[in-house]
Every structure is written in C-alpha cells, then in structure tokens.
Amino acid sequence: MKIPSEASQIDQWKSIMFLYDSALKEMNTKIEILNNEFVQINDYNPIEHVKSRLKTPESIVKKLKRNGYDVTIENMVEKLSDIAGIRIICSFRTDIYLLADMISRQRDVTVLYVKDYIKTPKSNGYRSYHMVVTVPIYLNGEMVETKVEIQIRTVAMDFWASLEHKIYYKFEGDGPENLQQELKACADMADMLDNKMFSLNQAITKIAEEQAKEKEAAKVAEEMKKAEREDVPAGNEQEPKDGKRSGESASGNRKEAGE
C-alpha cells in the first residue's frame, strides 16, 4: 500500500482508513453475493450473520506498542493485518471450510496467510478460522491492494470467544489460573456442542432425504396405476361367464313373467 508522503499525518491517516473502509465494503459485497448464490443453487444458507469493523485509533496504537513497534502509519500498514476485519458466523464447522474455499477462489482476492485455530486451538481453547487477504481497491488512476482479516467461526465458537473476551480481558490478559481453566473447560463444552449439533443435523438430513424418496416412489406408483386405468378402452369390460351382460337376466325374467 502506497502512503502519500507529501500529505500531512492527518491526511495520510484519512487516506489509509478510506482504503480499509473501502476494502470492507468490497469484501462484504463479495460474501453477500457468494451466500446468495449458494442459497439459490443449494437451497441452504451457510451464513448465520456477518459482522465487520475498522480498528479504532486507540486499538491500533495499543497493538503496535504491545508488539514492540513505533507508532507510525508505515508500521500500521505493514505490521498490522486486522485493521479491517470481517467475522462470518456459520451454523456448522463444515460451513467454515466451504466458505473459506469459496472466498479464496475469487480471482481478485489474494490469500496472504491462514491460521486454522479449529484444527489447532489456542491454549485457552479459542477456536476460529482466520485468513488474511488482499482485495484491490480501484481509485482514480490507480489500484491499491488492501488487507482484510476474515474470521470464520460457528455460533458456538463465537459465543465462547465473545464472552471470553469480555471476562478475561478485564485482567489485561493476566487472569487467575482457575479462571483460565474454567474458560478452557467452557471452550471444550462449546466444541462438544458443535459436534453434537452437526451429528443431529446429519441424522435429520438423512431422515428427510429418505422420506422424500418414499413420497416420490409413492407418487410414481400412484401415477402408474392411474395411467393403467386410463389405458383400458371403453366397452372392453370382461364378459360374464354365462355370456350375459348385466341387466340381461332381469330383462329375461320380466319377459317370462309376462308370458
């Protein structure tokens, strides 16, 4: 990302944040289109909801200092990858990898790196799929590749991570050992819930598919019976064994009675 050196610090800041804000809008549009296409083709919505945010100046300064960098716009652009952030919340773990693949296959999206905290959770139990990408922002006369961090997680993962952040970070990352253990246990329970709900969804889907097949088979059988009935020619009913049609016997009896 090119920083206009002739501009003032304030103007540089505004220009950079404009790019990050534009990158968020670009990626949000891509994700919305991908989701709508998936729903149209598969009649299934893999995304529960999407959140996006720009890091505040205070958070940017704090993170640079925490990582040992001088607070400069150059370091902000080069060293930080989460100034523009998007969080995608999915129903099931399989949806996470599906969406990550769909995003990475976009021709104008470049994946810089991936951190899979689902296959390899953090020590505190944190689970999520992180990917840092760049997306082109077309300005008047130039194109600027701008970084966006995308986090993809399930509802259960997001529930734990959101509350863990509110609880644990009150201690500035130095909470009591027993609290850390309790939070880790909660993370494991959330993971068990994810697995259980996925298994239930698989079972329900299988039952629904079997019921749909049975209904379709019954419908086909009924249509075949109907077609067979309609194919019988009129007046081609089977003759009685005595050669008389219905009504002939009664007519003959009336004639005999008259005689």
C-alpha atoms as a PDB file:
ATOM      1  CA  MET A   1       0.000   0.000   0.000  1.00  0.00           C
ATOM      2  CA  LYS A   2       1.492   3.349  -1.075  1.00  0.00           C
ATOM      3  CA  ILE A   3       1.344   6.127   1.514  1.00  0.00           C
ATOM      4  CA  PRO A   4       1.261   9.708   0.105  1.00  0.00           C
ATOM      5  CA  SER A   5       4.423  11.186   1.650  1.00  0.00           C
ATOM      6  CA  GLU A   6       3.615  14.768   0.680  1.00  0.00           C
ATOM      7  CA  ALA A   7       0.378  14.754   2.694  1.00  0.00           C
ATOM      8  CA  SER A   8       0.107  15.674   6.364  1.00  0.00           C
ATOM      9  CA  GLN A   9      -0.198  12.993   9.052  1.00  0.00           C
ATOM     10  CA  ILE A  10      -3.918  13.646   9.349  1.00  0.00           C
ATOM     11  CA  ASP A  11      -4.462  13.434   5.593  1.00  0.00           C
ATOM     12  CA  GLN A  12      -2.368  10.274   5.414  1.00  0.00           C
ATOM     13  CA  TRP A  13      -4.474   8.746   8.173  1.00  0.00           C
ATOM     14  CA  LYS A  14      -7.723   9.667   6.398  1.00  0.00           C
ATOM     15  CA  SER A  15      -6.469   8.231   3.088  1.00  0.00           C
ATOM     16  CA  ILE A  16      -5.387   4.956   4.671  1.00  0.00           C
ATOM     17  CA  MET A  17      -8.604   4.490   6.641  1.00  0.00           C
ATOM     18  CA  PHE A  18     -10.614   5.271   3.499  1.00  0.00           C
ATOM     19  CA  LEU A  19      -8.854   2.370   1.770  1.00  0.00           C
ATOM     20  CA  TYR A  20      -9.555  -0.023   4.639  1.00  0.00           C
ATOM     21  CA  ASP A  21     -13.190   1.053   4.774  1.00  0.00           C
ATOM     22  CA  SER A  22     -13.488   0.513   1.011  1.00  0.00           C
ATOM     23  CA  ALA A  23     -11.908  -2.940   1.361  1.00  0.00           C
ATOM     24  CA  LEU A  24     -14.524  -3.865   3.974  1.00  0.00           C
ATOM     25  CA  LYS A  25     -17.328  -2.818   1.638  1.00  0.00           C
ATOM     26  CA  GLU A  26     -15.760  -4.772  -1.227  1.00  0.00           C
ATOM     27  CA  MET A  27     -15.400  -7.974   0.773  1.00  0.00           C
ATOM     28  CA  ASN A  28     -18.855  -7.662   2.363  1.00  0.00           C
ATOM     29  CA  THR A  29     -20.369  -7.427  -1.120  1.00  0.00           C
ATOM     30  CA  LYS A  30     -18.427 -10.475  -2.296  1.00  0.00           C
ATOM     31  CA  ILE A  31     -19.509 -12.517   0.720  1.00  0.00           C
ATOM     32  CA  GLU A  32     -23.154 -11.500   0.292  1.00  0.00           C
ATOM     33  CA  ILE A  33     -23.132 -12.491  -3.388  1.00  0.00           C
ATOM     34  CA  LEU A  34     -21.451 -15.839  -2.652  1.00  0.00           C
ATOM     35  CA  ASN A  35     -24.010 -16.591   0.046  1.00  0.00           C
ATOM     36  CA  ASN A  36     -26.970 -15.641  -2.159  1.00  0.00           C
ATOM     37  CA  GLU A  37     -25.646 -17.790  -4.998  1.00  0.00           C
ATOM     38  CA  PHE A  38     -25.198 -20.757  -2.653  1.00  0.00           C
ATOM     39  CA  VAL A  39     -28.764 -20.386  -1.361  1.00  0.00           C
ATOM     40  CA  GLN A  40     -30.136 -20.217  -4.899  1.00  0.00           C
ATOM     41  CA  ILE A  41     -28.280 -23.337  -6.053  1.00  0.00           C
ATOM     42  CA  ASN A  42     -28.388 -25.496  -2.916  1.00  0.00           C
ATOM     43  CA  ASP A  43     -31.410 -24.136  -1.017  1.00  0.00           C
ATOM     44  CA  TYR A  44     -29.194 -23.826   2.070  1.00  0.00           C
ATOM     45  CA  ASN A  45     -27.780 -20.773   3.831  1.00  0.00           C
ATOM     46  CA  PRO A  46     -24.274 -21.431   5.263  1.00  0.00           C
ATOM     47  CA  ILE A  47     -24.023 -17.978   6.901  1.00  0.00           C
ATOM     48  CA  GLU A  48     -25.906 -17.010  10.056  1.00  0.00           C
ATOM     49  CA  HIS A  49     -24.681 -13.408  10.044  1.00  0.00           C
ATOM     50  CA  VAL A  50     -21.693 -11.206   9.195  1.00  0.00           C
ATOM     51  CA  LYS A  51     -20.008  -8.520  11.294  1.00  0.00           C
ATOM     52  CA  SER A  52     -17.417  -6.021  10.122  1.00  0.00           C
ATOM     53  CA  ARG A  53     -15.423  -3.273  11.803  1.00  0.00           C
ATOM     54  CA  LEU A  54     -12.499  -0.887  11.439  1.00  0.00           C
ATOM     55  CA  LYS A  55      -9.974  -0.913  14.257  1.00  0.00           C
ATOM     56  CA  THR A  56     -10.102   2.289  16.326  1.00  0.00           C
ATOM     57  CA  PRO A  57      -7.052   4.574  16.544  1.00  0.00           C
ATOM     58  CA  GLU A  58      -6.681   3.650  20.234  1.00  0.00           C
ATOM     59  CA  SER A  59      -6.662  -0.078  19.418  1.00  0.00           C
ATOM     60  CA  ILE A  60      -4.127   0.427  16.623  1.00  0.00           C
ATOM     61  CA  VAL A  61      -1.741   2.356  18.871  1.00  0.00           C
ATOM     62  CA  LYS A  62      -2.152  -0.166  21.690  1.00  0.00           C
ATOM     63  CA  LYS A  63      -1.420  -3.148  19.439  1.00  0.00           C
ATOM     64  CA  LEU A  64       1.646  -1.525  17.867  1.00  0.00           C
ATOM     65  CA  LYS A  65       3.097  -0.780  21.301  1.00  0.00           C
ATOM     66  CA  ARG A  66       2.252  -4.242  22.604  1.00  0.00           C
ATOM     67  CA  ASN A  67       4.139  -5.796  19.690  1.00  0.00           C
ATOM     68  CA  GLY A  68       7.132  -3.500  20.161  1.00  0.00           C
ATOM     69  CA  TYR A  69       6.672  -1.258  17.110  1.00  0.00           C
ATOM     70  CA  ASP A  70       6.903   2.517  16.864  1.00  0.00           C
ATOM     71  CA  VAL A  71       3.558   4.205  16.363  1.00  0.00           C
ATOM     72  CA  THR A  72       3.795   5.253  12.719  1.00  0.00           C
ATOM     73  CA  ILE A  73       1.453   4.999   9.770  1.00  0.00           C
ATOM     74  CA  GLU A  74       4.061   2.900   7.941  1.00  0.00           C
ATOM     75  CA  ASN A  75       4.129   0.337  10.774  1.00  0.00           C
ATOM     76  CA  MET A  76       0.352   0.383  10.984  1.00  0.00           C
ATOM     77  CA  VAL A  77       0.066  -0.572   7.321  1.00  0.00           C
ATOM     78  CA  GLU A  78       2.961  -3.048   7.208  1.00  0.00           C
ATOM     79  CA  LYS A  79       2.778  -4.744  10.615  1.00  0.00           C
ATOM     80  CA  LEU A  80      -0.951  -4.954  11.300  1.00  0.00           C
ATOM     81  CA  SER A  81      -3.298  -7.209   9.324  1.00  0.00           C
ATOM     82  CA  ASP A  82      -6.551  -6.734  11.210  1.00  0.00           C
ATOM     83  CA  ILE A  83      -7.278  -3.021  10.820  1.00  0.00           C
ATOM     84  CA  ALA A  84     -10.155  -4.013   8.537  1.00  0.00           C
ATOM     85  CA  GLY A  85     -11.885  -7.071   9.956  1.00  0.00           C
ATOM     86  CA  ILE A  86     -14.833  -9.247   8.953  1.00  0.00           C
ATOM     87  CA  ARG A  87     -16.338 -12.004  11.080  1.00  0.00           C
ATOM     88  CA  ILE A  88     -18.547 -14.628   9.436  1.00  0.00           C
ATOM     89  CA  ILE A  89     -20.726 -16.725  11.738  1.00  0.00           C
ATOM     90  CA  CYS A  90     -21.774 -20.145  10.389  1.00  0.00           C
ATOM     91  CA  SER A  91     -24.075 -22.893  11.569  1.00  0.00           C
ATOM     92  CA  PHE A  92     -21.659 -25.800  11.348  1.00  0.00           C
ATOM     93  CA  ARG A  93     -17.922 -26.424  11.177  1.00  0.00           C
ATOM     94  CA  THR A  94     -18.161 -27.772   7.632  1.00  0.00           C
ATOM     95  CA  ASP A  95     -19.598 -24.416   6.533  1.00  0.00           C
ATOM     96  CA  ILE A  96     -16.391 -22.700   7.667  1.00  0.00           C
ATOM     97  CA  TYR A  97     -14.143 -24.572   5.247  1.00  0.00           C
ATOM     98  CA  LEU A  98     -16.746 -24.299   2.498  1.00  0.00           C
ATOM     99  CA  LEU A  99     -16.818 -20.504   2.796  1.00  0.00           C
ATOM    100  CA  ALA A 100     -13.033 -20.221   3.116  1.00  0.00           C
ATOM    101  CA  ASP A 101     -12.673 -22.134  -0.148  1.00  0.00           C
ATOM    102  CA  MET A 102     -15.318 -20.018  -1.892  1.00  0.00           C
ATOM    103  CA  ILE A 103     -13.558 -16.800  -0.836  1.00  0.00           C
ATOM    104  CA  SER A 104     -10.065 -17.995  -1.748  1.00  0.00           C
ATOM    105  CA  ARG A 105     -11.235 -18.957  -5.256  1.00  0.00           C
ATOM    106  CA  GLN A 106     -12.244 -15.365  -6.046  1.00  0.00           C
ATOM    107  CA  ARG A 107      -9.882 -14.248  -8.817  1.00  0.00           C
ATOM    108  CA  ASP A 108      -9.186 -10.806  -7.400  1.00  0.00           C
ATOM    109  CA  VAL A 109      -8.743 -11.987  -3.798  1.00  0.00           C
ATOM    110  CA  THR A 110      -5.207 -12.926  -2.722  1.00  0.00           C
ATOM    111  CA  VAL A 111      -4.803 -15.058   0.393  1.00  0.00           C
ATOM    112  CA  LEU A 112      -1.690 -13.908   2.272  1.00  0.00           C
ATOM    113  CA  TYR A 113      -1.864 -16.486   5.039  1.00  0.00           C
ATOM    114  CA  VAL A 114      -4.229 -18.674   7.061  1.00  0.00           C
ATOM    115  CA  LYS A 115      -4.348 -19.530  10.768  1.00  0.00           C
ATOM    116  CA  ASP A 116      -6.571 -22.509  11.500  1.00  0.00           C
ATOM    117  CA  TYR A 117      -7.364 -22.385  15.217  1.00  0.00           C
ATOM    118  CA  ILE A 118     -10.031 -25.060  14.728  1.00  0.00           C
ATOM    119  CA  LYS A 119      -7.646 -27.855  13.841  1.00  0.00           C
ATOM    120  CA  THR A 120      -5.086 -26.386  16.253  1.00  0.00           C
ATOM    121  CA  PRO A 121      -6.910 -24.464  19.029  1.00  0.00           C
ATOM    122  CA  LYS A 122      -5.104 -21.917  21.174  1.00  0.00           C
ATOM    123  CA  SER A 123      -4.050 -22.989  24.652  1.00  0.00           C
ATOM    124  CA  ASN A 124      -7.028 -21.171  26.188  1.00  0.00           C
ATOM    125  CA  GLY A 125      -9.456 -23.121  23.993  1.00  0.00           C
ATOM    126  CA  TYR A 126     -10.040 -20.422  21.344  1.00  0.00           C
ATOM    127  CA  ARG A 127     -11.296 -21.837  18.043  1.00  0.00           C
ATOM    128  CA  SER A 128     -11.746 -19.928  14.817  1.00  0.00           C
ATOM    129  CA  TYR A 129     -10.530 -19.881  11.216  1.00  0.00           C
ATOM    130  CA  HIS A 130      -8.520 -16.777  10.290  1.00  0.00           C
ATOM    131  CA  MET A 131      -7.484 -15.759   6.801  1.00  0.00           C
ATOM    132  CA  VAL A 132      -5.754 -12.524   5.814  1.00  0.00           C
ATOM    133  CA  VAL A 133      -6.434 -11.476   2.248  1.00  0.00           C
ATOM    134  CA  THR A 134      -5.886  -8.520  -0.010  1.00  0.00           C
ATOM    135  CA  VAL A 135      -8.554  -7.093  -2.259  1.00  0.00           C
ATOM    136  CA  PRO A 136      -7.963  -4.494  -4.997  1.00  0.00           C
ATOM    137  CA  ILE A 137      -9.423  -1.039  -4.438  1.00  0.00           C
ATOM    138  CA  TYR A 138      -9.693   0.922  -7.674  1.00  0.00           C
ATOM    139  CA  LEU A 139      -9.184   4.622  -7.215  1.00  0.00           C
ATOM    140  CA  ASN A 140      -8.948   7.416  -9.746  1.00  0.00           C
ATOM    141  CA  GLY A 141      -5.943   6.359 -11.803  1.00  0.00           C
ATOM    142  CA  GLU A 142      -4.569   3.617  -9.538  1.00  0.00           C
ATOM    143  CA  MET A 143      -5.305   0.289  -7.893  1.00  0.00           C
ATOM    144  CA  VAL A 144      -4.352  -0.399  -4.277  1.00  0.00           C
ATOM    145  CA  GLU A 145      -4.212  -3.904  -2.768  1.00  0.00           C
ATOM    146  CA  THR A 146      -5.649  -3.582   0.746  1.00  0.00           C
ATOM    147  CA  LYS A 147      -5.550  -6.115   3.578  1.00  0.00           C
ATOM    148  CA  VAL A 148      -8.628  -7.532   5.294  1.00  0.00           C
ATOM    149  CA  GLU A 149      -8.683 -10.124   8.073  1.00  0.00           C
ATOM    150  CA  ILE A 150     -11.567 -12.601   7.813  1.00  0.00           C
ATOM    151  CA  GLN A 151     -12.561 -14.697  10.812  1.00  0.00           C
ATOM    152  CA  ILE A 152     -14.947 -17.588  10.223  1.00  0.00           C
ATOM    153  CA  ARG A 153     -16.454 -19.490  13.144  1.00  0.00           C
ATOM    154  CA  THR A 154     -19.577 -21.298  14.285  1.00  0.00           C
ATOM    155  CA  VAL A 155     -22.268 -19.831  16.532  1.00  0.00           C
ATOM    156  CA  ALA A 156     -20.878 -21.816  19.484  1.00  0.00           C
ATOM    157  CA  MET A 157     -17.309 -20.649  18.820  1.00  0.00           C
ATOM    158  CA  ASP A 158     -18.453 -17.038  18.569  1.00  0.00           C
ATOM    159  CA  PHE A 159     -20.492 -17.313  21.770  1.00  0.00           C
ATOM    160  CA  TRP A 160     -17.452 -18.517  23.711  1.00  0.00           C
ATOM    161  CA  ALA A 161     -14.998 -16.066  22.134  1.00  0.00           C
ATOM    162  CA  SER A 162     -17.227 -13.032  22.723  1.00  0.00           C
ATOM    163  CA  LEU A 163     -17.814 -13.796  26.389  1.00  0.00           C
ATOM    164  CA  GLU A 164     -14.204 -14.869  26.955  1.00  0.00           C
ATOM    165  CA  HIS A 165     -13.048 -11.503  25.659  1.00  0.00           C
ATOM    166  CA  LYS A 166     -15.383  -9.615  27.982  1.00  0.00           C
ATOM    167  CA  ILE A 167     -14.488 -11.714  31.021  1.00  0.00           C
ATOM    168  CA  TYR A 168     -10.787 -12.450  30.652  1.00  0.00           C
ATOM    169  CA  TYR A 169      -9.563  -9.163  29.208  1.00  0.00           C
ATOM    170  CA  LYS A 170     -10.704  -7.323  32.291  1.00  0.00           C
ATOM    171  CA  PHE A 171      -7.463  -8.736  33.701  1.00  0.00           C
ATOM    172  CA  GLU A 172      -5.410  -7.404  30.752  1.00  0.00           C
ATOM    173  CA  GLY A 173      -4.515 -10.959  29.743  1.00  0.00           C
ATOM    174  CA  ASP A 174      -3.243 -11.945  33.212  1.00  0.00           C
ATOM    175  CA  GLY A 175      -6.226 -13.644  34.808  1.00  0.00           C
ATOM    176  CA  PRO A 176      -6.185 -16.141  37.678  1.00  0.00           C
ATOM    177  CA  GLU A 177      -5.207 -19.725  36.850  1.00  0.00           C
ATOM    178  CA  ASN A 178      -8.567 -21.133  37.978  1.00  0.00           C
ATOM    179  CA  LEU A 179     -10.383 -18.707  35.650  1.00  0.00           C
ATOM    180  CA  GLN A 180      -8.227 -19.802  32.725  1.00  0.00           C
ATOM    181  CA  GLN A 181      -9.052 -23.437  33.450  1.00  0.00           C
ATOM    182  CA  GLU A 182     -12.777 -22.707  33.671  1.00  0.00           C
ATOM    183  CA  LEU A 183     -12.744 -20.829  30.363  1.00  0.00           C
ATOM    184  CA  LYS A 184     -10.849 -23.691  28.709  1.00  0.00           C
ATOM    185  CA  ALA A 185     -13.446 -26.153  30.035  1.00  0.00           C
ATOM    186  CA  CYS A 186     -16.234 -23.977  28.599  1.00  0.00           C
ATOM    187  CA  ALA A 187     -14.446 -23.913  25.235  1.00  0.00           C
ATOM    188  CA  ASP A 188     -14.312 -27.717  25.233  1.00  0.00           C
ATOM    189  CA  MET A 189     -18.033 -27.886  26.037  1.00  0.00           C
ATOM    190  CA  ALA A 190     -18.784 -25.488  23.178  1.00  0.00           C
ATOM    191  CA  ASP A 191     -16.775 -27.742  20.870  1.00  0.00           C
ATOM    192  CA  MET A 192     -18.739 -30.798  22.060  1.00  0.00           C
ATOM    193  CA  LEU A 193     -21.972 -28.905  21.385  1.00  0.00           C
ATOM    194  CA  ASP A 194     -20.769 -28.079  17.863  1.00  0.00           C
ATOM    195  CA  ASN A 195     -20.050 -31.741  17.171  1.00  0.00           C
ATOM    196  CA  LYS A 196     -23.373 -32.880  18.650  1.00  0.00           C
ATOM    197  CA  MET A 197     -25.442 -30.383  16.680  1.00  0.00           C
ATOM    198  CA  PHE A 198     -23.621 -31.347  13.478  1.00  0.00           C
ATOM    199  CA  SER A 199     -24.370 -35.043  14.113  1.00  0.00           C
ATOM    200  CA  LEU A 200     -28.043 -34.250  14.752  1.00  0.00           C
ATOM    201  CA  ASN A 201     -28.213 -32.193  11.575  1.00  0.00           C
ATOM    202  CA  GLN A 202     -26.699 -35.065   9.584  1.00  0.00           C
ATOM    203  CA  ALA A 203     -29.208 -37.526  11.040  1.00  0.00           C
ATOM    204  CA  ILE A 204     -32.175 -35.229  10.389  1.00  0.00           C
ATOM    205  CA  THR A 205     -31.000 -34.559   6.843  1.00  0.00           C
ATOM    206  CA  LYS A 206     -30.726 -38.297   6.168  1.00  0.00           C
ATOM    207  CA  ILE A 207     -34.242 -38.958   7.504  1.00  0.00           C
ATOM    208  CA  ALA A 208     -35.661 -36.094   5.428  1.00  0.00           C
ATOM    209  CA  GLU A 209     -33.970 -37.445   2.283  1.00  0.00           C
ATOM    210  CA  GLU A 210     -35.358 -40.961   2.900  1.00  0.00           C
ATOM    211  CA  GLN A 211     -38.861 -39.591   3.486  1.00  0.00           C
ATOM    212  CA  ALA A 212     -38.628 -37.547   0.295  1.00  0.00           C
ATOM    213  CA  LYS A 213     -37.616 -40.669  -1.663  1.00  0.00           C
ATOM    214  CA  GLU A 214     -40.528 -42.644  -0.188  1.00  0.00           C
ATOM    215  CA  LYS A 215     -43.003 -39.890  -1.111  1.00  0.00           C
ATOM    216  CA  GLU A 216     -41.600 -39.712  -4.623  1.00  0.00           C
ATOM    217  CA  ALA A 217     -41.820 -43.503  -5.022  1.00  0.00           C
ATOM    218  CA  ALA A 218     -45.440 -43.491  -3.775  1.00  0.00           C
ATOM    219  CA  LYS A 219     -46.288 -40.662  -6.177  1.00  0.00           C
ATOM    220  CA  VAL A 220     -44.781 -42.526  -9.139  1.00  0.00           C
ATOM    221  CA  ALA A 221     -46.671 -45.728  -8.202  1.00  0.00           C
ATOM    222  CA  GLU A 222     -49.969 -43.843  -7.996  1.00  0.00           C
ATOM    223  CA  GLU A 223     -49.377 -42.180 -11.367  1.00  0.00           C
ATOM    224  CA  MET A 224     -48.640 -45.570 -12.945  1.00  0.00           C
ATOM    225  CA  LYS A 225     -51.905 -47.022 -11.574  1.00  0.00           C
ATOM    226  CA  LYS A 226     -53.818 -44.032 -12.860  1.00  0.00           C
ATOM    227  CA  ALA A 227     -52.248 -44.412 -16.291  1.00  0.00           C
ATOM    228  CA  GLU A 228     -53.192 -48.126 -16.406  1.00  0.00           C
ATOM    229  CA  ARG A 229     -56.823 -47.313 -15.575  1.00  0.00           C
ATOM    230  CA  GLU A 230     -56.987 -44.654 -18.269  1.00  0.00           C
ATOM    231  CA  ASP A 231     -55.493 -47.019 -20.888  1.00  0.00           C
ATOM    232  CA  VAL A 232     -58.448 -49.536 -20.649  1.00  0.00           C
ATOM    233  CA  PRO A 233     -60.719 -48.940 -23.785  1.00  0.00           C
ATOM    234  CA  ALA A 234     -64.402 -48.073 -23.184  1.00  0.00           C
ATOM    235  CA  GLY A 235     -66.799 -51.035 -23.571  1.00  0.00           C
ATOM    236  CA  ASN A 236     -63.996 -53.547 -23.187  1.00  0.00           C
ATOM    237  CA  GLU A 237     -65.167 -54.783 -19.830  1.00  0.00           C
ATOM    238  CA  GLN A 238     -64.851 -58.530 -19.186  1.00  0.00           C
ATOM    239  CA  GLU A 239     -67.957 -60.589 -20.216  1.00  0.00           C
ATOM    240  CA  PRO A 240     -69.662 -62.681 -17.522  1.00  0.00           C
ATOM    241  CA  LYS A 241     -69.108 -66.468 -17.743  1.00  0.00           C
ATOM    242  CA  ASP A 242     -72.760 -67.118 -18.864  1.00  0.00           C
ATOM    243  CA  GLY A 243     -72.319 -64.679 -21.756  1.00  0.00           C
ATOM    244  CA  LYS A 244     -74.949 -62.291 -20.436  1.00  0.00           C
ATOM    245  CA  ARG A 245     -74.268 -58.683 -19.663  1.00  0.00           C
ATOM    246  CA  SER A 246     -75.526 -57.066 -16.528  1.00  0.00           C
ATOM    247  CA  GLY A 247     -79.269 -56.473 -16.754  1.00  0.00           C
ATOM    248  CA  GLU A 248     -79.986 -59.208 -19.342  1.00  0.00           C
ATOM    249  CA  SER A 249     -81.090 -61.741 -16.732  1.00  0.00           C
ATOM    250  CA  ALA A 250     -83.528 -59.343 -15.114  1.00  0.00           C
ATOM    251  CA  SER A 251     -84.968 -58.432 -18.517  1.00  0.00           C
ATOM    252  CA  GLY A 252     -85.460 -62.098 -19.425  1.00  0.00           C
ATOM    253  CA  ASN A 253     -87.221 -62.793 -16.139  1.00  0.00           C
ATOM    254  CA  ARG A 254     -89.639 -59.932 -16.753  1.00  0.00           C
ATOM    255  CA  LYS A 255     -90.458 -61.354 -20.195  1.00  0.00           C
ATOM    256  CA  GLU A 256     -91.139 -64.822 -18.759  1.00  0.00           C
ATOM    257  CA  ALA A 257     -93.359 -63.357 -16.093  1.00  0.00           C
ATOM    258  CA  GLY A 258     -95.417 -61.578 -18.768  1.00  0.00           C
ATOM    259  CA  GLU A 259     -95.964 -64.793 -20.651  1.00  0.00           C
END
